[in-house]
Amino acid sequence: MSAPIILAHGTLGNWDEVIFLSVAAIFLIMMGISWVRSRNVKPDLGESELHADGNEPQSRFPME
């Protein structure tokens, strides 16, 4: 008795399932790695830092 086709079907038979599940697993692993890496990175919110003289830097786009 062969395993029922659950996710994929095609000319490769049961290998369609193996290929489909391996691609899905690789995708989930890559998404997990990118999520973990993004949790450890401080976001750049564009906050201005003070210059050495203590003054705030001028904006790139000054108001007129």
C-alpha atoms as a PDB file:
ATOM      1  CA  MET A   1       0.000   0.000   0.000  1.00  0.00           C
ATOM      2  CA  SER A   2       1.504   3.315  -1.054  1.00  0.00           C
ATOM      3  CA  ALA A   3       1.295   6.554   0.924  1.00  0.00           C
ATOM      4  CA  PRO A   4      -1.550   8.842  -0.119  1.00  0.00           C
ATOM      5  CA  ILE A   5      -0.722  11.988  -2.041  1.00  0.00           C
ATOM      6  CA  ILE A   6      -1.275  14.882   0.331  1.00  0.00           C
ATOM      7  CA  LEU A   7       0.433  18.024  -0.909  1.00  0.00           C
ATOM      8  CA  ALA A   8       1.729  17.505  -4.416  1.00  0.00           C
ATOM      9  CA  HIS A   9       1.073  15.231  -7.329  1.00  0.00           C
ATOM     10  CA  GLY A  10       2.840  14.764 -10.589  1.00  0.00           C
ATOM     11  CA  THR A  11       4.960  12.501 -12.683  1.00  0.00           C
ATOM     12  CA  LEU A  12       7.611  12.036  -9.973  1.00  0.00           C
ATOM     13  CA  GLY A  13       5.272  10.086  -7.708  1.00  0.00           C
ATOM     14  CA  ASN A  14       6.261  10.178  -4.072  1.00  0.00           C
ATOM     15  CA  TRP A  15       9.307  12.307  -4.880  1.00  0.00           C
ATOM     16  CA  ASP A  16       6.961  15.249  -5.495  1.00  0.00           C
ATOM     17  CA  GLU A  17       6.116  15.140  -1.808  1.00  0.00           C
ATOM     18  CA  VAL A  18       9.766  14.975  -0.786  1.00  0.00           C
ATOM     19  CA  ILE A  19      10.733  17.908  -3.014  1.00  0.00           C
ATOM     20  CA  PHE A  20       7.754  20.004  -1.918  1.00  0.00           C
ATOM     21  CA  LEU A  21       8.330  19.368   1.786  1.00  0.00           C
ATOM     22  CA  SER A  22      12.083  20.005   1.518  1.00  0.00           C
ATOM     23  CA  VAL A  23      11.508  23.346  -0.219  1.00  0.00           C
ATOM     24  CA  ALA A  24       8.945  24.285   2.452  1.00  0.00           C
ATOM     25  CA  ALA A  25      11.370  23.264   5.218  1.00  0.00           C
ATOM     26  CA  ILE A  26      14.216  25.289   3.692  1.00  0.00           C
ATOM     27  CA  PHE A  27      11.928  28.315   3.406  1.00  0.00           C
ATOM     28  CA  LEU A  28      10.823  28.039   7.043  1.00  0.00           C
ATOM     29  CA  ILE A  29      14.408  27.596   8.245  1.00  0.00           C
ATOM     30  CA  MET A  30      15.549  30.679   6.301  1.00  0.00           C
ATOM     31  CA  MET A  31      12.640  32.729   7.654  1.00  0.00           C
ATOM     32  CA  GLY A  32      13.481  31.594  11.190  1.00  0.00           C
ATOM     33  CA  ILE A  33      17.130  32.541  10.790  1.00  0.00           C
ATOM     34  CA  SER A  34      16.253  35.979   9.410  1.00  0.00           C
ATOM     35  CA  TRP A  35      13.778  36.532  12.261  1.00  0.00           C
ATOM     36  CA  VAL A  36      16.378  35.609  14.888  1.00  0.00           C
ATOM     37  CA  ARG A  37      18.976  37.856  13.242  1.00  0.00           C
ATOM     38  CA  SER A  38      16.537  40.781  13.032  1.00  0.00           C
ATOM     39  CA  ARG A  39      15.751  40.449  16.747  1.00  0.00           C
ATOM     40  CA  ASN A  40      19.438  41.109  17.554  1.00  0.00           C
ATOM     41  CA  VAL A  41      19.838  44.244  15.404  1.00  0.00           C
ATOM     42  CA  LYS A  42      19.171  47.682  16.830  1.00  0.00           C
ATOM     43  CA  PRO A  43      16.881  49.537  14.392  1.00  0.00           C
ATOM     44  CA  ASP A  44      18.115  52.735  12.791  1.00  0.00           C
ATOM     45  CA  LEU A  45      15.321  55.158  13.584  1.00  0.00           C
ATOM     46  CA  GLY A  46      17.123  58.129  12.096  1.00  0.00           C
ATOM     47  CA  GLU A  47      17.678  59.817  15.445  1.00  0.00           C
ATOM     48  CA  SER A  48      20.274  62.551  15.230  1.00  0.00           C
ATOM     49  CA  GLU A  49      23.347  62.376  17.384  1.00  0.00           C
ATOM     50  CA  LEU A  50      25.145  65.365  18.879  1.00  0.00           C
ATOM     51  CA  HIS A  51      28.337  66.658  17.290  1.00  0.00           C
ATOM     52  CA  ALA A  52      31.559  66.865  19.278  1.00  0.00           C
ATOM     53  CA  ASP A  53      30.805  70.541  20.052  1.00  0.00           C
ATOM     54  CA  GLY A  54      27.460  69.575  21.651  1.00  0.00           C
ATOM     55  CA  ASN A  55      25.233  71.016  18.917  1.00  0.00           C
ATOM     56  CA  GLU A  56      22.688  68.992  17.012  1.00  0.00           C
ATOM     57  CA  PRO A  57      23.550  68.444  13.344  1.00  0.00           C
ATOM     58  CA  GLN A  58      21.589  70.372  10.793  1.00  0.00           C
ATOM     59  CA  SER A  59      18.888  68.591   8.890  1.00  0.00           C
ATOM     60  CA  ARG A  60      19.580  67.358   5.381  1.00  0.00           C
ATOM     61  CA  PHE A  61      16.438  69.150   4.255  1.00  0.00           C
ATOM     62  CA  PRO A  62      16.237  72.454   6.126  1.00  0.00           C
ATOM     63  CA  MET A  63      12.872  74.194   6.408  1.00  0.00           C
ATOM     64  CA  GLU A  64      12.678  77.536   4.634  1.00  0.00           C
END
